[in-house]
PDB file of N, CA and C in Angstrom:
ATOM      1  N   MET A   1      -7.342 -20.238  14.943  1.00  0.00           N
ATOM      2  CA  MET A   1      -6.390 -19.651  13.999  1.00  0.00           C
ATOM      3  C   MET A   1      -6.023 -18.212  14.400  1.00  0.00           C
ATOM      4  N   LYS A   2      -7.007 -17.470  14.875  1.00  0.00           N
ATOM      5  CA  LYS A   2      -6.754 -16.069  15.245  1.00  0.00           C
ATOM      6  C   LYS A   2      -5.683 -15.981  16.334  1.00  0.00           C
ATOM      7  N   ILE A   3      -5.774 -16.886  17.323  1.00  0.00           N
ATOM      8  CA  ILE A   3      -4.806 -16.873  18.420  1.00  0.00           C
ATOM      9  C   ILE A   3      -3.402 -17.103  17.860  1.00  0.00           C
ATOM     10  N   PHE A   4      -3.305 -18.044  16.911  1.00  0.00           N
ATOM     11  CA  PHE A   4      -2.006 -18.336  16.298  1.00  0.00           C
ATOM     12  C   PHE A   4      -1.447 -17.087  15.621  1.00  0.00           C
ATOM     13  N   TYR A   5      -2.298 -16.378  14.873  1.00  0.00           N
ATOM     14  CA  TYR A   5      -1.836 -15.185  14.167  1.00  0.00           C
ATOM     15  C   TYR A   5      -1.347 -14.130  15.149  1.00  0.00           C
ATOM     16  N   ILE A   6      -2.109 -13.933  16.232  1.00  0.00           N
ATOM     17  CA  ILE A   6      -1.725 -12.922  17.221  1.00  0.00           C
ATOM     18  C   ILE A   6      -0.400 -13.313  17.872  1.00  0.00           C
ATOM     19  N   ASN A   7      -0.250 -14.597  18.206  1.00  0.00           N
ATOM     20  CA  ASN A   7       0.994 -15.082  18.805  1.00  0.00           C
ATOM     21  C   ASN A   7       2.166 -14.859  17.867  1.00  0.00           C
ATOM     22  N   GLN A   8       1.956 -15.206  16.599  1.00  0.00           N
ATOM     23  CA  GLN A   8       3.005 -15.047  15.589  1.00  0.00           C
ATOM     24  C   GLN A   8       3.419 -13.577  15.488  1.00  0.00           C
ATOM     25  N   MET A   9       2.448 -12.690  15.468  1.00  0.00           N
ATOM     26  CA  MET A   9       2.726 -11.261  15.398  1.00  0.00           C
ATOM     27  C   MET A   9       3.534 -10.814  16.607  1.00  0.00           C
ATOM     28  N   MET A  10       3.097 -11.261  17.788  1.00  0.00           N
ATOM     29  CA  MET A  10       3.753 -10.861  19.026  1.00  0.00           C
ATOM     30  C   MET A  10       5.217 -11.295  19.022  1.00  0.00           C
ATOM     31  N   TRP A  11       5.462 -12.560  18.659  1.00  0.00           N
ATOM     32  CA  TRP A  11       6.833 -13.077  18.693  1.00  0.00           C
ATOM     33  C   TRP A  11       7.693 -12.407  17.642  1.00  0.00           C
ATOM     34  N   SER A  12       7.142 -12.151  16.449  1.00  0.00           N
ATOM     35  CA  SER A  12       7.943 -11.490  15.419  1.00  0.00           C
ATOM     36  C   SER A  12       8.244 -10.061  15.853  1.00  0.00           C
ATOM     37  N   PHE A  13       7.300  -9.430  16.554  1.00  0.00           N
ATOM     38  CA  PHE A  13       7.528  -8.073  17.057  1.00  0.00           C
ATOM     39  C   PHE A  13       8.661  -8.080  18.076  1.00  0.00           C
ATOM     40  N   PHE A  14       8.621  -9.051  19.003  1.00  0.00           N
ATOM     41  CA  PHE A  14       9.679  -9.163  20.013  1.00  0.00           C
ATOM     42  C   PHE A  14      11.029  -9.390  19.330  1.00  0.00           C
ATOM     43  N   ALA A  15      11.038 -10.263  18.327  1.00  0.00           N
ATOM     44  CA  ALA A  15      12.286 -10.565  17.617  1.00  0.00           C
ATOM     45  C   ALA A  15      12.843  -9.297  16.976  1.00  0.00           C
ATOM     46  N   ILE A  16      11.965  -8.490  16.369  1.00  0.00           N
ATOM     47  CA  ILE A  16      12.408  -7.256  15.718  1.00  0.00           C
ATOM     48  C   ILE A  16      12.933  -6.268  16.754  1.00  0.00           C
ATOM     49  N   VAL A  17      12.247  -6.181  17.906  1.00  0.00           N
ATOM     50  CA  VAL A  17      12.700  -5.262  18.959  1.00  0.00           C
ATOM     51  C   VAL A  17      14.092  -5.663  19.452  1.00  0.00           C
ATOM     52  N   ILE A  18      14.289  -6.970  19.682  1.00  0.00           N
ATOM     53  CA  ILE A  18      15.596  -7.460  20.145  1.00  0.00           C
ATOM     54  C   ILE A  18      16.659  -7.187  19.083  1.00  0.00           C
ATOM     55  N   PHE A  19      16.300  -7.461  17.819  1.00  0.00           N
ATOM     56  CA  PHE A  19      17.205  -7.232  16.695  1.00  0.00           C
ATOM     57  C   PHE A  19      17.606  -5.760  16.628  1.00  0.00           C
ATOM     58  N   MET A  20      16.633  -4.867  16.763  1.00  0.00           N
ATOM     59  CA  MET A  20      16.896  -3.428  16.733  1.00  0.00           C
ATOM     60  C   MET A  20      17.807  -3.032  17.884  1.00  0.00           C
ATOM     61  N   ASP A  21      17.531  -3.599  19.072  1.00  0.00           N
ATOM     62  CA  ASP A  21      18.326  -3.288  20.253  1.00  0.00           C
ATOM     63  C   ASP A  21      19.793  -3.657  19.999  1.00  0.00           C
ATOM     64  N   LYS A  22      20.008  -4.830  19.388  1.00  0.00           N
ATOM     65  CA  LYS A  22      21.372  -5.269  19.073  1.00  0.00           C
ATOM     66  C   LYS A  22      22.020  -4.277  18.090  1.00  0.00           C
ATOM     67  N   LEU A  23      21.239  -3.837  17.102  1.00  0.00           N
ATOM     68  CA  LEU A  23      21.790  -2.901  16.116  1.00  0.00           C
ATOM     69  C   LEU A  23      22.115  -1.557  16.754  1.00  0.00           C
ATOM     70  N   MET A  24      21.250  -1.095  17.654  1.00  0.00           N
ATOM     71  CA  MET A  24      21.461   0.216  18.282  1.00  0.00           C
ATOM     72  C   MET A  24      22.688   0.190  19.191  1.00  0.00           C
ATOM     73  N   ASN A  25      22.946  -0.961  19.823  1.00  0.00           N
ATOM     74  CA  ASN A  25      24.091  -1.060  20.723  1.00  0.00           C
ATOM     75  C   ASN A  25      25.400  -0.964  19.953  1.00  0.00           C
ATOM     76  N   ASN A  26      25.415  -1.476  18.716  1.00  0.00           N
ATOM     77  CA  ASN A  26      26.607  -1.337  17.884  1.00  0.00           C
ATOM     78  C   ASN A  26      26.576   0.053  17.265  1.00  0.00           C
ATOM     79  N   LYS A  27      27.470   0.913  17.721  1.00  0.00           N
ATOM     80  CA  LYS A  27      27.461   2.298  17.245  1.00  0.00           C
ATOM     81  C   LYS A  27      28.144   2.371  15.879  1.00  0.00           C
ATOM     82  N   PHE A  28      27.480   1.869  14.851  1.00  0.00           N
ATOM     83  CA  PHE A  28      28.039   1.925  13.508  1.00  0.00           C
ATOM     84  C   PHE A  28      27.714   3.282  12.895  1.00  0.00           C
ATOM     85  N   THR A  29      26.965   3.257  11.804  1.00  0.00           N
ATOM     86  CA  THR A  29      26.549   4.486  11.146  1.00  0.00           C
ATOM     87  C   THR A  29      25.042   4.579  11.285  1.00  0.00           C
ATOM     88  N   ILE A  30      24.404   5.333  10.413  1.00  0.00           N
ATOM     89  CA  ILE A  30      22.946   5.460  10.437  1.00  0.00           C
ATOM     90  C   ILE A  30      22.301   4.297   9.674  1.00  0.00           C
ATOM     91  N   TYR A  31      23.114   3.527   8.919  1.00  0.00           N
ATOM     92  CA  TYR A  31      22.543   2.487   8.062  1.00  0.00           C
ATOM     93  C   TYR A  31      21.803   1.390   8.817  1.00  0.00           C
ATOM     94  N   PRO A  32      22.342   0.860   9.926  1.00  0.00           N
ATOM     95  CA  PRO A  32      21.599  -0.175  10.652  1.00  0.00           C
ATOM     96  C   PRO A  32      20.221   0.313  11.106  1.00  0.00           C
ATOM     97  N   ARG A  33      20.140   1.575  11.517  1.00  0.00           N
ATOM     98  CA  ARG A  33      18.840   2.113  11.952  1.00  0.00           C
ATOM     99  C   ARG A  33      17.878   2.187  10.775  1.00  0.00           C
ATOM    100  N   LEU A  34      18.366   2.622   9.618  1.00  0.00           N
ATOM    101  CA  LEU A  34      17.524   2.670   8.423  1.00  0.00           C
ATOM    102  C   LEU A  34      17.061   1.265   8.060  1.00  0.00           C
ATOM    103  N   LEU A  35      17.983   0.311   8.127  1.00  0.00           N
ATOM    104  CA  LEU A  35      17.651  -1.076   7.811  1.00  0.00           C
ATOM    105  C   LEU A  35      16.568  -1.587   8.755  1.00  0.00           C
ATOM    106  N   ALA A  36      16.726  -1.286  10.041  1.00  0.00           N
ATOM    107  CA  ALA A  36      15.741  -1.727  11.032  1.00  0.00           C
ATOM    108  C   ALA A  36      14.379  -1.100  10.742  1.00  0.00           C
ATOM    109  N   LEU A  37      14.379   0.186  10.402  1.00  0.00           N
ATOM    110  CA  LEU A  37      13.120   0.869  10.089  1.00  0.00           C
ATOM    111  C   LEU A  37      12.461   0.259   8.865  1.00  0.00           C
ATOM    112  N   ILE A  38      13.261  -0.055   7.851  1.00  0.00           N
ATOM    113  CA  ILE A  38      12.716  -0.658   6.632  1.00  0.00           C
ATOM    114  C   ILE A  38      12.123  -2.026   6.952  1.00  0.00           C
ATOM    115  N   ILE A  39      12.854  -2.813   7.762  1.00  0.00           N
ATOM    116  CA  ILE A  39      12.372  -4.144   8.134  1.00  0.00           C
ATOM    117  C   ILE A  39      11.046  -4.021   8.884  1.00  0.00           C
ATOM    118  N   ILE A  40      10.979  -3.081   9.830  1.00  0.00           N
ATOM    119  CA  ILE A  40       9.744  -2.899  10.600  1.00  0.00           C
ATOM    120  C   ILE A  40       8.604  -2.465   9.690  1.00  0.00           C
ATOM    121  N   GLY A  41       8.893  -1.563   8.758  1.00  0.00           N
ATOM    122  CA  GLY A  41       7.860  -1.103   7.832  1.00  0.00           C
ATOM    123  C   GLY A  41       7.308  -2.235   6.986  1.00  0.00           C
ATOM    124  N   VAL A  42       8.212  -3.034   6.436  1.00  0.00           N
ATOM    125  CA  VAL A  42       7.794  -4.165   5.601  1.00  0.00           C
ATOM    126  C   VAL A  42       7.004  -5.163   6.431  1.00  0.00           C
ATOM    127  N   TRP A  43       7.507  -5.465   7.654  1.00  0.00           N
ATOM    128  CA  TRP A  43       6.836  -6.439   8.517  1.00  0.00           C
ATOM    129  C   TRP A  43       5.437  -5.944   8.882  1.00  0.00           C
ATOM    130  N   ALA A  44       5.335  -4.654   9.268  1.00  0.00           N
ATOM    131  CA  ALA A  44       4.048  -4.105   9.674  1.00  0.00           C
ATOM    132  C   ALA A  44       3.061  -4.135   8.511  1.00  0.00           C
ATOM    133  N   GLY A  45       3.518  -3.731   7.332  1.00  0.00           N
ATOM    134  CA  GLY A  45       2.646  -3.737   6.158  1.00  0.00           C
ATOM    135  C   GLY A  45       2.172  -5.140   5.832  1.00  0.00           C
ATOM    136  N   PHE A  46       3.092  -6.095   5.873  1.00  0.00           N
ATOM    137  CA  PHE A  46       2.764  -7.481   5.556  1.00  0.00           C
ATOM    138  C   PHE A  46       1.766  -8.041   6.563  1.00  0.00           C
ATOM    139  N   THR A  47       2.005  -7.749   7.848  1.00  0.00           N
ATOM    140  CA  THR A  47       1.119  -8.268   8.894  1.00  0.00           C
ATOM    141  C   THR A  47      -0.276  -7.677   8.768  1.00  0.00           C
ATOM    142  N   LEU A  48      -0.336  -6.365   8.548  1.00  0.00           N
ATOM    143  CA  LEU A  48      -1.639  -5.714   8.414  1.00  0.00           C
ATOM    144  C   LEU A  48      -2.380  -6.264   7.195  1.00  0.00           C
ATOM    145  N   TYR A  49      -1.660  -6.475   6.111  1.00  0.00           N
ATOM    146  CA  TYR A  49      -2.277  -7.024   4.895  1.00  0.00           C
ATOM    147  C   TYR A  49      -2.832  -8.426   5.175  1.00  0.00           C
ATOM    148  N   ASN A  50      -2.040  -9.255   5.858  1.00  0.00           N
ATOM    149  CA  ASN A  50      -2.482 -10.609   6.192  1.00  0.00           C
ATOM    150  C   ASN A  50      -3.698 -10.576   7.109  1.00  0.00           C
ATOM    151  N   MET A  51      -3.693  -9.666   8.089  1.00  0.00           N
ATOM    152  CA  MET A  51      -4.828  -9.543   9.010  1.00  0.00           C
ATOM    153  C   MET A  51      -6.076  -9.154   8.234  1.00  0.00           C
ATOM    154  N   GLY A  52      -5.924  -8.203   7.318  1.00  0.00           N
ATOM    155  CA  GLY A  52      -7.060  -7.763   6.508  1.00  0.00           C
ATOM    156  C   GLY A  52      -7.606  -8.906   5.667  1.00  0.00           C
ATOM    157  N   ALA A  53      -6.710  -9.693   5.084  1.00  0.00           N
ATOM    158  CA  ALA A  53      -7.127 -10.835   4.262  1.00  0.00           C
ATOM    159  C   ALA A  53      -7.860 -11.859   5.127  1.00  0.00           C
ATOM    160  N   GLU A  54      -7.332 -12.105   6.340  1.00  0.00           N
ATOM    161  CA  GLU A  54      -7.981 -13.051   7.259  1.00  0.00           C
ATOM    162  C   GLU A  54      -9.392 -12.578   7.587  1.00  0.00           C
ATOM    163  N   ILE A  55      -9.531 -11.298   7.918  1.00  0.00           N
ATOM    164  CA  ILE A  55     -10.835 -10.749   8.307  1.00  0.00           C
ATOM    165  C   ILE A  55     -11.811 -10.865   7.142  1.00  0.00           C
ATOM    166  N   ASN A  56     -11.346 -10.540   5.919  1.00  0.00           N
ATOM    167  CA  ASN A  56     -12.210 -10.640   4.745  1.00  0.00           C
ATOM    168  C   ASN A  56     -12.655 -12.073   4.514  1.00  0.00           C
ATOM    169  N   ASN A  57     -11.732 -13.024   4.670  1.00  0.00           N
ATOM    170  CA  ASN A  57     -12.070 -14.429   4.479  1.00  0.00           C
ATOM    171  C   ASN A  57     -13.103 -14.882   5.500  1.00  0.00           C
ATOM    172  N   ASN A  58     -12.989 -14.380   6.727  1.00  0.00           N
ATOM    173  CA  ASN A  58     -13.921 -14.780   7.777  1.00  0.00           C
ATOM    174  C   ASN A  58     -15.302 -14.163   7.565  1.00  0.00           C
ATOM    175  N   LEU A  59     -15.337 -12.987   6.939  1.00  0.00           N
ATOM    176  CA  LEU A  59     -16.619 -12.308   6.735  1.00  0.00           C
ATOM    177  C   LEU A  59     -17.433 -12.977   5.631  1.00  0.00           C
ATOM    178  N   GLU A  60     -16.747 -13.544   4.655  1.00  0.00           N
ATOM    179  CA  GLU A  60     -17.469 -14.129   3.507  1.00  0.00           C
ATOM    180  C   GLU A  60     -18.292 -15.342   3.932  1.00  0.00           C
TER     181      GLU A  60
END
């Protein structure tokens, strides 16, 4: 299961990086960058929370 979680994290990270790259190439306003930052923040928080829950479940 751990390998699956790490793989999932890696691929979602790559997807976000590619998504950000696409947004940065479109010279719109500052909003796409803010959106990308918010998405990364939410994703990172969610992933860390899930990792913590997994570790706690394994320790019990």
